[in-house]
């Protein structure tokens, strides 16, 4: 009778371990898909923002270079 109990317990724990590994694998794949989706969404938000920041920085740089032009004074 003990042999049958050991076989049943071994089968139960083998099935539980297999189900756990399968569950973790499915969760891992779901996590990777969700992470990729969020990364793609953020990339779509950051690209226009980066273009706007670059345009503002170049505008500010052009404005600064216009104000920084030295004026010539005639010192005689």
PDB file of N, CA and C in Angstrom:
ATOM      1  N   UNK A   1       0.818  -1.192   0.000  1.00  0.00           N
ATOM      2  CA  UNK A   1       0.000   0.000   0.000  1.00  0.00           C
ATOM      3  C   UNK A   1       0.866   1.260   0.000  1.00  0.00           C
ATOM      4  N   UNK A   2       2.008   1.197   0.703  1.00  0.00           N
ATOM      5  CA  UNK A   2       2.888   2.358   0.738  1.00  0.00           C
ATOM      6  C   UNK A   2       3.459   2.656  -0.641  1.00  0.00           C
ATOM      7  N   UNK A   3       3.705   1.643  -1.408  1.00  0.00           N
ATOM      8  CA  UNK A   3       4.256   1.823  -2.745  1.00  0.00           C
ATOM      9  C   UNK A   3       3.292   2.627  -3.614  1.00  0.00           C
ATOM     10  N   UNK A   4       2.015   2.321  -3.536  1.00  0.00           N
ATOM     11  CA  UNK A   4       0.995   3.021  -4.324  1.00  0.00           C
ATOM     12  C   UNK A   4       0.917   4.480  -3.880  1.00  0.00           C
ATOM     13  N   UNK A   5       1.001   4.719  -2.578  1.00  0.00           N
ATOM     14  CA  UNK A   5       0.965   6.097  -2.067  1.00  0.00           C
ATOM     15  C   UNK A   5       2.176   6.880  -2.560  1.00  0.00           C
ATOM     16  N   UNK A   6       3.350   6.270  -2.536  1.00  0.00           N
ATOM     17  CA  UNK A   6       4.554   6.944  -3.028  1.00  0.00           C
ATOM     18  C   UNK A   6       4.449   7.255  -4.522  1.00  0.00           C
ATOM     19  N   UNK A   7       3.924   6.331  -5.279  1.00  0.00           N
ATOM     20  CA  UNK A   7       3.765   6.555  -6.720  1.00  0.00           C
ATOM     21  C   UNK A   7       2.783   7.684  -6.974  1.00  0.00           C
ATOM     22  N   UNK A   8       1.694   7.712  -6.240  1.00  0.00           N
ATOM     23  CA  UNK A   8       0.700   8.782  -6.401  1.00  0.00           C
ATOM     24  C   UNK A   8       1.269  10.139  -5.995  1.00  0.00           C
ATOM     25  N   UNK A   9       2.002  10.189  -4.886  1.00  0.00           N
ATOM     26  CA  UNK A   9       2.617  11.448  -4.456  1.00  0.00           C
ATOM     27  C   UNK A   9       3.667  11.914  -5.465  1.00  0.00           C
ATOM     28  N   UNK A  10       4.465  11.002  -5.954  1.00  0.00           N
ATOM     29  CA  UNK A  10       5.472  11.354  -6.952  1.00  0.00           C
ATOM     30  C   UNK A  10       4.801  11.868  -8.231  1.00  0.00           C
ATOM     31  N   UNK A  11       3.733  11.227  -8.641  1.00  0.00           N
ATOM     32  CA  UNK A  11       3.008  11.677  -9.831  1.00  0.00           C
ATOM     33  C   UNK A  11       2.386  13.049  -9.608  1.00  0.00           C
ATOM     34  N   UNK A  12       1.815  13.243  -8.399  1.00  0.00           N
ATOM     35  CA  UNK A  12       1.207  14.538  -8.086  1.00  0.00           C
ATOM     36  C   UNK A  12       2.255  15.644  -8.129  1.00  0.00           C
ATOM     37  N   UNK A  13       3.404  15.455  -7.475  1.00  0.00           N
ATOM     38  CA  UNK A  13       4.426  16.496  -7.434  1.00  0.00           C
ATOM     39  C   UNK A  13       5.072  16.720  -8.799  1.00  0.00           C
ATOM     40  N   UNK A  14       5.183  15.675  -9.586  1.00  0.00           N
ATOM     41  CA  UNK A  14       5.693  15.840 -10.948  1.00  0.00           C
ATOM     42  C   UNK A  14       4.717  16.674 -11.783  1.00  0.00           C
ATOM     43  N   UNK A  15       3.439  16.394 -11.658  1.00  0.00           N
ATOM     44  CA  UNK A  15       2.420  17.168 -12.376  1.00  0.00           C
ATOM     45  C   UNK A  15       2.371  18.609 -11.890  1.00  0.00           C
ATOM     46  N   UNK A  16       2.489  18.800 -10.569  1.00  0.00           N
ATOM     47  CA  UNK A  16       2.468  20.162 -10.020  1.00  0.00           C
ATOM     48  C   UNK A  16       3.681  20.956 -10.493  1.00  0.00           C
ATOM     49  N   UNK A  17       4.851  20.320 -10.519  1.00  0.00           N
ATOM     50  CA  UNK A  17       6.063  20.999 -10.984  1.00  0.00           C
ATOM     51  C   UNK A  17       5.950  21.346 -12.470  1.00  0.00           C
ATOM     52  N   UNK A  18       5.430  20.416 -13.253  1.00  0.00           N
ATOM     53  CA  UNK A  18       5.255  20.672 -14.688  1.00  0.00           C
ATOM     54  C   UNK A  18       4.271  21.817 -14.917  1.00  0.00           C
ATOM     55  N   UNK A  19       3.171  21.806 -14.188  1.00  0.00           N
ATOM     56  CA  UNK A  19       2.185  22.880 -14.327  1.00  0.00           C
ATOM     57  C   UNK A  19       2.771  24.218 -13.882  1.00  0.00           C
ATOM     58  N   UNK A  20       3.581  24.207 -12.834  1.00  0.00           N
ATOM     59  CA  UNK A  20       4.210  25.447 -12.368  1.00  0.00           C
ATOM     60  C   UNK A  20       5.153  26.011 -13.414  1.00  0.00           C
ATOM     61  N   UNK A  21       5.995  25.148 -13.976  1.00  0.00           N
ATOM     62  CA  UNK A  21       6.918  25.613 -15.009  1.00  0.00           C
ATOM     63  C   UNK A  21       6.177  26.126 -16.231  1.00  0.00           C
ATOM     64  N   UNK A  22       5.132  25.442 -16.621  1.00  0.00           N
ATOM     65  CA  UNK A  22       4.339  25.878 -17.764  1.00  0.00           C
ATOM     66  C   UNK A  22       3.661  27.216 -17.467  1.00  0.00           C
ATOM     67  N   UNK A  23       3.134  27.357 -16.251  1.00  0.00           N
ATOM     68  CA  UNK A  23       2.505  28.617 -15.859  1.00  0.00           C
ATOM     69  C   UNK A  23       3.492  29.768 -15.842  1.00  0.00           C
ATOM     70  N   UNK A  24       4.685  29.525 -15.294  1.00  0.00           N
ATOM     71  CA  UNK A  24       5.709  30.573 -15.286  1.00  0.00           C
ATOM     72  C   UNK A  24       6.140  30.939 -16.697  1.00  0.00           C
ATOM     73  N   UNK A  25       6.229  29.951 -17.571  1.00  0.00           N
ATOM     74  CA  UNK A  25       6.606  30.224 -18.955  1.00  0.00           C
ATOM     75  C   UNK A  25       5.550  31.079 -19.648  1.00  0.00           C
ATOM     76  N   UNK A  26       4.288  30.764 -19.442  1.00  0.00           N
ATOM     77  CA  UNK A  26       3.209  31.549 -20.053  1.00  0.00           C
ATOM     78  C   UNK A  26       3.200  32.970 -19.501  1.00  0.00           C
ATOM     79  N   UNK A  27       3.387  33.122 -18.189  1.00  0.00           N
ATOM     80  CA  UNK A  27       3.452  34.464 -17.595  1.00  0.00           C
ATOM     81  C   UNK A  27       4.648  35.244 -18.123  1.00  0.00           C
ATOM     82  N   UNK A  28       5.778  34.573 -18.280  1.00  0.00           N
ATOM     83  CA  UNK A  28       6.968  35.230 -18.798  1.00  0.00           C
ATOM     84  C   UNK A  28       6.729  35.738 -20.217  1.00  0.00           C
ATOM     85  N   UNK A  29       6.141  34.893 -21.069  1.00  0.00           N
ATOM     86  CA  UNK A  29       5.853  35.316 -22.434  1.00  0.00           C
ATOM     87  C   UNK A  29       4.854  36.476 -22.460  1.00  0.00           C
ATOM     88  N   UNK A  30       3.850  36.427 -21.586  1.00  0.00           N
ATOM     89  CA  UNK A  30       2.877  37.504 -21.498  1.00  0.00           C
ATOM     90  C   UNK A  30       3.554  38.797 -21.052  1.00  0.00           C
ATOM     91  N   UNK A  31       4.473  38.684 -20.097  1.00  0.00           N
ATOM     92  CA  UNK A  31       5.216  39.853 -19.625  1.00  0.00           C
ATOM     93  C   UNK A  31       6.043  40.450 -20.755  1.00  0.00           C
ATOM     94  N   UNK A  32       6.719  39.607 -21.534  1.00  0.00           N
ATOM     95  CA  UNK A  32       7.543  40.106 -22.630  1.00  0.00           C
ATOM     96  C   UNK A  32       6.694  40.808 -23.688  1.00  0.00           C
ATOM     97  N   UNK A  33       5.529  40.260 -24.006  1.00  0.00           N
ATOM     98  CA  UNK A  33       4.646  40.877 -25.001  1.00  0.00           C
ATOM     99  C   UNK A  33       4.132  42.226 -24.489  1.00  0.00           C
ATOM    100  N   UNK A  34       3.749  42.276 -23.224  1.00  0.00           N
ATOM    101  CA  UNK A  34       3.254  43.526 -22.643  1.00  0.00           C
ATOM    102  C   UNK A  34       4.368  44.569 -22.586  1.00  0.00           C
ATOM    103  N   UNK A  35       5.566  44.154 -22.234  1.00  0.00           N
ATOM    104  CA  UNK A  35       6.696  45.084 -22.163  1.00  0.00           C
ATOM    105  C   UNK A  35       7.010  45.640 -23.540  1.00  0.00           C
ATOM    106  N   UNK A  36       6.994  44.802 -24.546  1.00  0.00           N
ATOM    107  CA  UNK A  36       7.252  45.250 -25.915  1.00  0.00           C
ATOM    108  C   UNK A  36       6.176  46.228 -26.381  1.00  0.00           C
ATOM    109  N   UNK A  37       4.927  45.947 -26.028  1.00  0.00           N
ATOM    110  CA  UNK A  37       3.823  46.833 -26.409  1.00  0.00           C
ATOM    111  C   UNK A  37       3.967  48.208 -25.760  1.00  0.00           C
ATOM    112  N   UNK A  38       4.282  48.227 -24.476  1.00  0.00           N
ATOM    113  CA  UNK A  38       4.447  49.506 -23.774  1.00  0.00           C
ATOM    114  C   UNK A  38       5.650  50.263 -24.324  1.00  0.00           C
ATOM    115  N   UNK A  39       6.731  49.558 -24.616  1.00  0.00           N
ATOM    116  CA  UNK A  39       7.912  50.202 -25.183  1.00  0.00           C
ATOM    117  C   UNK A  39       7.591  50.834 -26.529  1.00  0.00           C
ATOM    118  N   UNK A  40       6.828  50.137 -27.346  1.00  0.00           N
ATOM    119  CA  UNK A  40       6.450  50.669 -28.658  1.00  0.00           C
ATOM    120  C   UNK A  40       5.566  51.900 -28.512  1.00  0.00           C
ATOM    121  N   UNK A  41       4.631  51.876 -27.567  1.00  0.00           N
ATOM    122  CA  UNK A  41       3.762  53.029 -27.346  1.00  0.00           C
ATOM    123  C   UNK A  41       4.564  54.234 -26.877  1.00  0.00           C
ATOM    124  N   UNK A  42       5.510  54.014 -25.981  1.00  0.00           N
ATOM    125  CA  UNK A  42       6.321  55.122 -25.493  1.00  0.00           C
ATOM    126  C   UNK A  42       7.226  55.666 -26.586  1.00  0.00           C
ATOM    127  N   UNK A  43       7.717  54.780 -27.447  1.00  0.00           N
ATOM    128  CA  UNK A  43       8.550  55.236 -28.551  1.00  0.00           C
ATOM    129  C   UNK A  43       7.745  56.146 -29.472  1.00  0.00           C
ATOM    130  N   UNK A  44       6.488  55.781 -29.709  1.00  0.00           N
ATOM    131  CA  UNK A  44       5.628  56.605 -30.558  1.00  0.00           C
ATOM    132  C   UNK A  44       5.356  57.966 -29.929  1.00  0.00           C
ATOM    133  N   UNK A  45       5.351  58.027 -28.598  1.00  0.00           N
ATOM    134  CA  UNK A  45       5.152  59.308 -27.916  1.00  0.00           C
ATOM    135  C   UNK A  45       6.436  60.133 -27.865  1.00  0.00           C
ATOM    136  N   UNK A  46       7.577  59.481 -27.752  1.00  0.00           N
ATOM    137  CA  UNK A  46       8.835  60.198 -27.594  1.00  0.00           C
ATOM    138  C   UNK A  46       9.363  60.782 -28.897  1.00  0.00           C
ATOM    139  N   UNK A  47       9.128  60.144 -30.012  1.00  0.00           N
ATOM    140  CA  UNK A  47       9.672  60.631 -31.277  1.00  0.00           C
ATOM    141  C   UNK A  47       9.170  62.040 -31.627  1.00  0.00           C
ATOM    142  N   UNK A  48       7.869  62.325 -31.584  1.00  0.00           N
ATOM    143  CA  UNK A  48       7.433  63.699 -31.867  1.00  0.00           C
ATOM    144  C   UNK A  48       7.941  64.696 -30.822  1.00  0.00           C
ATOM    145  N   UNK A  49       8.005  64.251 -29.579  1.00  0.00           N
ATOM    146  CA  UNK A  49       8.499  65.135 -28.527  1.00  0.00           C
ATOM    147  C   UNK A  49       9.968  65.469 -28.753  1.00  0.00           C
ATOM    148  N   UNK A  50      10.756  64.489 -29.144  1.00  0.00           N
ATOM    149  CA  UNK A  50      12.171  64.732 -29.425  1.00  0.00           C
ATOM    150  C   UNK A  50      12.345  65.692 -30.604  1.00  0.00           C
ATOM    151  N   UNK A  51      11.504  65.551 -31.625  1.00  0.00           N
ATOM    152  CA  UNK A  51      11.576  66.474 -32.761  1.00  0.00           C
ATOM    153  C   UNK A  51      11.239  67.895 -32.339  1.00  0.00           C
ATOM    154  N   UNK A  52      10.228  68.047 -31.489  1.00  0.00           N
ATOM    155  CA  UNK A  52       9.855  69.387 -31.022  1.00  0.00           C
ATOM    156  C   UNK A  52      10.962  69.999 -30.171  1.00  0.00           C
ATOM    157  N   UNK A  53      11.564  69.190 -29.301  1.00  0.00           N
ATOM    158  CA  UNK A  53      12.653  69.696 -28.469  1.00  0.00           C
ATOM    159  C   UNK A  53      13.838  70.107 -29.332  1.00  0.00           C
ATOM    160  N   UNK A  54      14.170  69.289 -30.333  1.00  0.00           N
ATOM    161  CA  UNK A  54      15.269  69.624 -31.231  1.00  0.00           C
ATOM    162  C   UNK A  54      14.979  70.923 -31.978  1.00  0.00           C
ATOM    163  N   UNK A  55      13.742  71.107 -32.442  1.00  0.00           N
ATOM    164  CA  UNK A  55      13.379  72.334 -33.151  1.00  0.00           C
ATOM    165  C   UNK A  55      13.491  73.540 -32.226  1.00  0.00           C
ATOM    166  N   UNK A  56      13.037  73.416 -30.990  1.00  0.00           N
ATOM    167  CA  UNK A  56      13.143  74.525 -30.041  1.00  0.00           C
ATOM    168  C   UNK A  56      14.595  74.841 -29.703  1.00  0.00           C
ATOM    169  N   UNK A  57      15.416  73.808 -29.544  1.00  0.00           N
ATOM    170  CA  UNK A  57      16.827  74.051 -29.237  1.00  0.00           C
ATOM    171  C   UNK A  57      17.540  74.727 -30.403  1.00  0.00           C
ATOM    172  N   UNK A  58      17.247  74.311 -31.624  1.00  0.00           N
ATOM    173  CA  UNK A  58      17.887  74.952 -32.771  1.00  0.00           C
ATOM    174  C   UNK A  58      17.377  76.389 -32.935  1.00  0.00           C
ATOM    175  N   UNK A  59      16.114  76.621 -32.636  1.00  0.00           N
ATOM    176  CA  UNK A  59      15.577  77.984 -32.681  1.00  0.00           C
ATOM    177  C   UNK A  59      16.253  78.849 -31.625  1.00  0.00           C
ATOM    178  N   UNK A  60      16.414  78.315 -30.434  1.00  0.00           N
ATOM    179  CA  UNK A  60      17.075  79.065 -29.367  1.00  0.00           C
ATOM    180  C   UNK A  60      18.535  79.319 -29.724  1.00  0.00           C
ATOM    181  N   UNK A  61      19.206  78.355 -30.324  1.00  0.00           N
ATOM    182  CA  UNK A  61      20.595  78.516 -30.704  1.00  0.00           C
ATOM    183  C   UNK A  61      20.727  79.580 -31.797  1.00  0.00           C
ATOM    184  N   UNK A  62      19.813  79.593 -32.745  1.00  0.00           N
ATOM    185  CA  UNK A  62      19.840  80.602 -33.803  1.00  0.00           C
ATOM    186  C   UNK A  62      19.578  81.982 -33.213  1.00  0.00           C
ATOM    187  N   UNK A  63      18.672  82.049 -32.267  1.00  0.00           N
ATOM    188  CA  UNK A  63      18.354  83.318 -31.611  1.00  0.00           C
ATOM    189  C   UNK A  63      19.540  83.821 -30.803  1.00  0.00           C
ATOM    190  N   UNK A  64      20.228  82.932 -30.134  1.00  0.00           N
ATOM    191  CA  UNK A  64      21.394  83.304 -29.335  1.00  0.00           C
ATOM    192  C   UNK A  64      22.533  83.768 -30.226  1.00  0.00           C
ATOM    193  N   UNK A  65      22.720  83.124 -31.361  1.00  0.00           N
ATOM    194  CA  UNK A  65      23.805  83.525 -32.258  1.00  0.00           C
ATOM    195  C   UNK A  65      23.520  84.896 -32.867  1.00  0.00           C
ATOM    196  N   UNK A  66      22.273  85.268 -33.062  1.00  0.00           N
ATOM    197  CA  UNK A  66      21.942  86.592 -33.576  1.00  0.00           C
ATOM    198  C   UNK A  66      22.247  87.658 -32.534  1.00  0.00           C
ATOM    199  N   UNK A  67      21.968  87.367 -31.267  1.00  0.00           N
ATOM    200  CA  UNK A  67      22.227  88.342 -30.204  1.00  0.00           C
ATOM    201  C   UNK A  67      23.711  88.414 -29.848  1.00  0.00           C
ATOM    202  N   UNK A  68      24.450  87.397 -30.145  1.00  0.00           N
ATOM    203  CA  UNK A  68      25.858  87.350 -29.760  1.00  0.00           C
ATOM    204  C   UNK A  68      26.772  87.969 -30.791  1.00  0.00           C
ATOM    205  N   UNK A  69      26.269  88.422 -31.928  1.00  0.00           N
ATOM    206  CA  UNK A  69      27.116  89.031 -32.936  1.00  0.00           C
ATOM    207  C   UNK A  69      27.688  90.320 -32.387  1.00  0.00           C
ATOM    208  N   UNK A  70      29.010  90.438 -32.434  1.00  0.00           N
ATOM    209  CA  UNK A  70      29.629  91.648 -31.865  1.00  0.00           C
ATOM    210  C   UNK A  70      29.381  92.854 -32.759  1.00  0.00           C
ATOM    211  N   UNK A  71      29.178  93.966 -32.135  1.00  0.00           N
ATOM    212  CA  UNK A  71      29.026  95.215 -32.885  1.00  0.00           C
ATOM    213  C   UNK A  71      30.379  95.892 -32.911  1.00  0.00           C
ATOM    214  N   UNK A  72      30.661  96.541 -34.022  1.00  0.00           N
ATOM    215  CA  UNK A  72      31.954  97.181 -34.173  1.00  0.00           C
ATOM    216  C   UNK A  72      31.839  98.629 -33.708  1.00  0.00           C
ATOM    217  N   UNK A  73      32.730  98.968 -32.830  1.00  0.00           N
ATOM    218  CA  UNK A  73      32.795 100.339 -32.343  1.00  0.00           C
ATOM    219  C   UNK A  73      34.070 100.973 -32.882  1.00  0.00           C
ATOM    220  N   UNK A  74      33.947 102.165 -33.262  1.00  0.00           N
ATOM    221  CA  UNK A  74      35.111 102.899 -33.799  1.00  0.00           C
ATOM    222  C   UNK A  74      35.753 103.623 -32.633  1.00  0.00           C
ATOM    223  N   UNK A  75      36.873 103.114 -32.142  1.00  0.00           N
ATOM    224  CA  UNK A  75      37.566 103.730 -31.026  1.00  0.00           C
ATOM    225  C   UNK A  75      38.773 104.470 -31.592  1.00  0.00           C
ATOM    226  N   UNK A  76      38.638 105.776 -31.735  1.00  0.00           N
ATOM    227  CA  UNK A  76      39.728 106.574 -32.294  1.00  0.00           C
ATOM    228  C   UNK A  76      40.090 107.707 -31.380  1.00  0.00           C
TER     229      UNK A  76
END
